Amino acid sequence: MNPVFIIVLLLLIGANGFLIFKTVKTWLDYSDSQHWIETEARIENIERQKVIESEGRGVGATSVSYDLYLTYRYKTAGQIFERELVKTVYSEEEAAAVQLGDPSLVYVNPKQPDQVRDERGNIVDVVGVIAALIFANLFGAGILYQINSFFSQDL
């Protein structure tokens, strides 16, 4: 076998190992979060930050969003916890609508009540990692095929 083929094959195996690890980790996180307890929290503090992202040159090539750094207070398992979460909204009106003392739903890990998030895991994250795994393998197989074809030609 050609050394280039072997190097690319080893890189593909390494990428597969990483993506398989990431897939399993993402699945476990998603699966675990489905059992987190929905509880009501109150917003104790808000810090708003305007984020402007340039998407190239030209008119309308920027996007504006707002990162809200929210400190939540919630009660679970007989204890009161405070945690900060970051929420991104895409209009100034949405950012201004979030007020101190507003109730909000959060999800609490029943095994570790100090762990909280503002949404459960999303199956789209799992599908995305699986899609990356499939794409990497198809791309890698194409490269391996081309390398094999190139080096097996009679010159």
C-alpha atoms as a PDB file:
ATOM      1  CA  MET A   1       0.000   0.000   0.000  1.00  0.00           C
ATOM      2  CA  ASN A   2       1.055   3.523  -0.720  1.00  0.00           C
ATOM      3  CA  PRO A   3       2.232   5.596   2.301  1.00  0.00           C
ATOM      4  CA  VAL A   4      -0.114   8.473   1.379  1.00  0.00           C
ATOM      5  CA  PHE A   5      -3.036   6.050   1.417  1.00  0.00           C
ATOM      6  CA  ILE A   6      -2.002   4.764   4.855  1.00  0.00           C
ATOM      7  CA  ILE A   7      -1.627   8.300   6.268  1.00  0.00           C
ATOM      8  CA  VAL A   8      -5.052   9.352   4.992  1.00  0.00           C
ATOM      9  CA  LEU A   9      -6.584   6.117   6.279  1.00  0.00           C
ATOM     10  CA  LEU A  10      -5.102   6.742   9.752  1.00  0.00           C
ATOM     11  CA  LEU A  11      -6.421  10.329   9.716  1.00  0.00           C
ATOM     12  CA  LEU A  12      -9.866   9.041   8.759  1.00  0.00           C
ATOM     13  CA  ILE A  13      -9.763   6.469  11.576  1.00  0.00           C
ATOM     14  CA  GLY A  14      -8.790   9.233  14.016  1.00  0.00           C
ATOM     15  CA  ALA A  15     -11.607  11.488  12.793  1.00  0.00           C
ATOM     16  CA  ASN A  16     -14.037   8.570  13.121  1.00  0.00           C
ATOM     17  CA  GLY A  17     -12.906   7.896  16.670  1.00  0.00           C
ATOM     18  CA  PHE A  18     -13.445  11.528  17.618  1.00  0.00           C
ATOM     19  CA  LEU A  19     -16.855  11.745  15.926  1.00  0.00           C
ATOM     20  CA  ILE A  20     -18.042   8.452  17.423  1.00  0.00           C
ATOM     21  CA  PHE A  21     -16.985   9.692  20.884  1.00  0.00           C
ATOM     22  CA  LYS A  22     -18.806  12.998  20.236  1.00  0.00           C
ATOM     23  CA  THR A  23     -21.916  11.142  19.024  1.00  0.00           C
ATOM     24  CA  VAL A  24     -22.077   8.944  22.124  1.00  0.00           C
ATOM     25  CA  LYS A  25     -21.455  11.928  24.434  1.00  0.00           C
ATOM     26  CA  THR A  26     -24.140  14.007  22.695  1.00  0.00           C
ATOM     27  CA  TRP A  27     -26.625  11.116  22.836  1.00  0.00           C
ATOM     28  CA  LEU A  28     -25.968  10.513  26.547  1.00  0.00           C
ATOM     29  CA  ASP A  29     -26.378  14.235  27.274  1.00  0.00           C
ATOM     30  CA  TYR A  30     -29.626  14.349  25.286  1.00  0.00           C
ATOM     31  CA  SER A  31     -30.962  11.174  26.888  1.00  0.00           C
ATOM     32  CA  ASP A  32     -30.063  12.290  30.417  1.00  0.00           C
ATOM     33  CA  SER A  33     -31.594  15.751  29.976  1.00  0.00           C
ATOM     34  CA  GLN A  34     -34.990  14.258  29.094  1.00  0.00           C
ATOM     35  CA  HIS A  35     -35.346  13.291  32.760  1.00  0.00           C
ATOM     36  CA  TRP A  36     -34.461  16.697  34.159  1.00  0.00           C
ATOM     37  CA  ILE A  37     -37.222  18.273  36.241  1.00  0.00           C
ATOM     38  CA  GLU A  38     -39.042  21.308  34.936  1.00  0.00           C
ATOM     39  CA  THR A  39     -39.251  23.955  37.648  1.00  0.00           C
ATOM     40  CA  GLU A  40     -40.076  27.621  37.883  1.00  0.00           C
ATOM     41  CA  ALA A  41     -37.305  30.104  38.507  1.00  0.00           C
ATOM     42  CA  ARG A  42     -37.249  33.867  39.038  1.00  0.00           C
ATOM     43  CA  ILE A  43     -34.861  36.185  37.272  1.00  0.00           C
ATOM     44  CA  GLU A  44     -32.753  37.935  39.924  1.00  0.00           C
ATOM     45  CA  ASN A  45     -30.302  39.804  37.698  1.00  0.00           C
ATOM     46  CA  ILE A  46     -30.017  40.682  34.009  1.00  0.00           C
ATOM     47  CA  GLU A  47     -27.047  41.896  32.027  1.00  0.00           C
ATOM     48  CA  ARG A  48     -27.703  42.619  28.359  1.00  0.00           C
ATOM     49  CA  GLN A  49     -25.001  42.622  25.727  1.00  0.00           C
ATOM     50  CA  LYS A  50     -25.576  43.628  22.129  1.00  0.00           C
ATOM     51  CA  VAL A  51     -23.715  41.374  19.669  1.00  0.00           C
ATOM     52  CA  ILE A  52     -23.030  42.578  16.138  1.00  0.00           C
ATOM     53  CA  GLU A  53     -21.679  40.023  13.697  1.00  0.00           C
ATOM     54  CA  SER A  54     -20.343  40.961  10.299  1.00  0.00           C
ATOM     55  CA  GLU A  55     -21.156  38.446   7.603  1.00  0.00           C
ATOM     56  CA  GLY A  56     -19.042  39.862   4.811  1.00  0.00           C
ATOM     57  CA  ARG A  57     -19.074  43.005   2.771  1.00  0.00           C
ATOM     58  CA  GLY A  58     -22.134  44.722   1.457  1.00  0.00           C
ATOM     59  CA  VAL A  59     -25.390  46.198   2.569  1.00  0.00           C
ATOM     60  CA  GLY A  60     -27.212  44.258   5.273  1.00  0.00           C
ATOM     61  CA  ALA A  61     -24.258  41.995   5.851  1.00  0.00           C
ATOM     62  CA  THR A  62     -24.414  42.259   9.632  1.00  0.00           C
ATOM     63  CA  SER A  63     -26.674  40.583  12.120  1.00  0.00           C
ATOM     64  CA  VAL A  64     -27.596  41.818  15.570  1.00  0.00           C
ATOM     65  CA  SER A  65     -28.450  39.661  18.548  1.00  0.00           C
ATOM     66  CA  TYR A  66     -28.556  40.189  22.288  1.00  0.00           C
ATOM     67  CA  ASP A  67     -26.926  37.943  24.860  1.00  0.00           C
ATOM     68  CA  LEU A  68     -28.810  38.055  28.137  1.00  0.00           C
ATOM     69  CA  TYR A  69     -26.795  36.958  31.144  1.00  0.00           C
ATOM     70  CA  LEU A  70     -29.568  35.910  33.511  1.00  0.00           C
ATOM     71  CA  THR A  71     -29.169  34.987  37.144  1.00  0.00           C
ATOM     72  CA  TYR A  72     -31.955  32.613  38.131  1.00  0.00           C
ATOM     73  CA  ARG A  73     -33.109  31.684  41.600  1.00  0.00           C
ATOM     74  CA  TYR A  74     -34.991  28.420  41.927  1.00  0.00           C
ATOM     75  CA  LYS A  75     -35.981  26.013  44.644  1.00  0.00           C
ATOM     76  CA  THR A  76     -35.656  22.263  44.386  1.00  0.00           C
ATOM     77  CA  ALA A  77     -35.127  19.429  46.844  1.00  0.00           C
ATOM     78  CA  GLY A  78     -35.828  21.881  49.681  1.00  0.00           C
ATOM     79  CA  GLN A  79     -32.881  24.096  48.762  1.00  0.00           C
ATOM     80  CA  ILE A  80     -32.612  27.464  47.028  1.00  0.00           C
ATOM     81  CA  PHE A  81     -30.089  27.776  44.216  1.00  0.00           C
ATOM     82  CA  GLU A  82     -28.832  30.669  42.111  1.00  0.00           C
ATOM     83  CA  ARG A  83     -27.312  30.049  38.715  1.00  0.00           C
ATOM     84  CA  GLU A  84     -26.395  32.136  35.702  1.00  0.00           C
ATOM     85  CA  LEU A  85     -27.526  31.155  32.237  1.00  0.00           C
ATOM     86  CA  VAL A  86     -26.964  32.888  28.926  1.00  0.00           C
ATOM     87  CA  LYS A  87     -29.931  33.334  26.618  1.00  0.00           C
ATOM     88  CA  THR A  88     -29.650  34.745  23.106  1.00  0.00           C
ATOM     89  CA  VAL A  89     -32.507  36.710  21.554  1.00  0.00           C
ATOM     90  CA  TYR A  90     -32.627  38.316  18.139  1.00  0.00           C
ATOM     91  CA  SER A  91     -34.489  41.581  18.635  1.00  0.00           C
ATOM     92  CA  GLU A  92     -34.234  44.553  20.940  1.00  0.00           C
ATOM     93  CA  GLU A  93     -37.892  44.090  21.877  1.00  0.00           C
ATOM     94  CA  GLU A  94     -37.264  40.514  23.053  1.00  0.00           C
ATOM     95  CA  ALA A  95     -34.254  41.664  25.065  1.00  0.00           C
ATOM     96  CA  ALA A  96     -36.228  44.495  26.689  1.00  0.00           C
ATOM     97  CA  ALA A  97     -39.181  42.186  27.456  1.00  0.00           C
ATOM     98  CA  VAL A  98     -37.140  40.130  29.918  1.00  0.00           C
ATOM     99  CA  GLN A  99     -37.497  41.821  33.314  1.00  0.00           C
ATOM    100  CA  LEU A 100     -36.285  41.271  36.869  1.00  0.00           C
ATOM    101  CA  GLY A 101     -38.595  39.002  38.821  1.00  0.00           C
ATOM    102  CA  ASP A 102     -40.073  37.431  35.704  1.00  0.00           C
ATOM    103  CA  PRO A 103     -40.873  33.743  36.097  1.00  0.00           C
ATOM    104  CA  SER A 104     -39.078  31.388  33.762  1.00  0.00           C
ATOM    105  CA  LEU A 105     -39.057  27.635  33.282  1.00  0.00           C
ATOM    106  CA  VAL A 106     -35.729  25.913  33.819  1.00  0.00           C
ATOM    107  CA  TYR A 107     -34.714  22.272  33.843  1.00  0.00           C
ATOM    108  CA  VAL A 108     -32.905  20.916  36.891  1.00  0.00           C
ATOM    109  CA  ASN A 109     -30.788  17.775  37.019  1.00  0.00           C
ATOM    110  CA  PRO A 110     -32.438  15.622  39.719  1.00  0.00           C
ATOM    111  CA  LYS A 111     -29.091  13.933  40.438  1.00  0.00           C
ATOM    112  CA  GLN A 112     -27.311  17.280  40.901  1.00  0.00           C
ATOM    113  CA  PRO A 113     -29.835  20.043  41.687  1.00  0.00           C
ATOM    114  CA  ASP A 114     -27.225  22.756  41.230  1.00  0.00           C
ATOM    115  CA  GLN A 115     -27.100  21.931  37.496  1.00  0.00           C
ATOM    116  CA  VAL A 116     -29.698  23.853  35.529  1.00  0.00           C
ATOM    117  CA  ARG A 117     -30.358  24.751  31.907  1.00  0.00           C
ATOM    118  CA  ASP A 118     -33.029  26.696  30.119  1.00  0.00           C
ATOM    119  CA  GLU A 119     -33.943  23.862  27.754  1.00  0.00           C
ATOM    120  CA  ARG A 120     -33.679  20.136  27.560  1.00  0.00           C
ATOM    121  CA  GLY A 121     -31.276  18.522  25.139  1.00  0.00           C
ATOM    122  CA  ASN A 122     -32.276  18.673  21.507  1.00  0.00           C
ATOM    123  CA  ILE A 123     -32.343  15.646  19.203  1.00  0.00           C
ATOM    124  CA  VAL A 124     -31.137  17.937  16.408  1.00  0.00           C
ATOM    125  CA  ASP A 125     -27.743  18.054  18.141  1.00  0.00           C
ATOM    126  CA  VAL A 126     -27.514  14.257  17.964  1.00  0.00           C
ATOM    127  CA  VAL A 127     -28.615  14.189  14.314  1.00  0.00           C
ATOM    128  CA  GLY A 128     -26.037  16.876  13.494  1.00  0.00           C
ATOM    129  CA  VAL A 129     -23.164  14.869  14.927  1.00  0.00           C
ATOM    130  CA  ILE A 130     -24.349  11.708  13.142  1.00  0.00           C
ATOM    131  CA  ALA A 131     -24.588  13.682   9.883  1.00  0.00           C
ATOM    132  CA  ALA A 132     -21.011  14.919  10.405  1.00  0.00           C
ATOM    133  CA  LEU A 133     -19.895  11.320  10.979  1.00  0.00           C
ATOM    134  CA  ILE A 134     -21.565  10.147   7.765  1.00  0.00           C
ATOM    135  CA  PHE A 135     -20.230  13.105   5.759  1.00  0.00           C
ATOM    136  CA  ALA A 136     -16.675  12.593   7.054  1.00  0.00           C
ATOM    137  CA  ASN A 137     -16.797   8.921   6.071  1.00  0.00           C
ATOM    138  CA  LEU A 138     -18.162   9.607   2.602  1.00  0.00           C
ATOM    139  CA  PHE A 139     -15.600  12.361   2.053  1.00  0.00           C
ATOM    140  CA  GLY A 140     -12.794  10.172   3.403  1.00  0.00           C
ATOM    141  CA  ALA A 141     -13.859   7.211   1.256  1.00  0.00           C
ATOM    142  CA  GLY A 142     -13.818   9.475  -1.802  1.00  0.00           C
ATOM    143  CA  ILE A 143     -10.319  10.685  -1.003  1.00  0.00           C
ATOM    144  CA  LEU A 144      -9.096   7.133  -0.389  1.00  0.00           C
ATOM    145  CA  TYR A 145     -10.615   6.030  -3.698  1.00  0.00           C
ATOM    146  CA  GLN A 146      -8.910   8.887  -5.562  1.00  0.00           C
ATOM    147  CA  ILE A 147      -5.544   8.191  -3.915  1.00  0.00           C
ATOM    148  CA  ASN A 148      -5.830   4.489  -4.713  1.00  0.00           C
ATOM    149  CA  SER A 149      -6.826   5.244  -8.318  1.00  0.00           C
ATOM    150  CA  PHE A 150      -3.983   7.728  -8.776  1.00  0.00           C
ATOM    151  CA  PHE A 151      -1.274   5.433  -7.468  1.00  0.00           C
ATOM    152  CA  SER A 152      -2.545   2.310  -9.235  1.00  0.00           C
ATOM    153  CA  GLN A 153      -2.408   3.916 -12.693  1.00  0.00           C
ATOM    154  CA  ASP A 154       0.309   2.853 -15.087  1.00  0.00           C
ATOM    155  CA  LEU A 155       2.520   5.838 -15.666  1.00  0.00           C
END
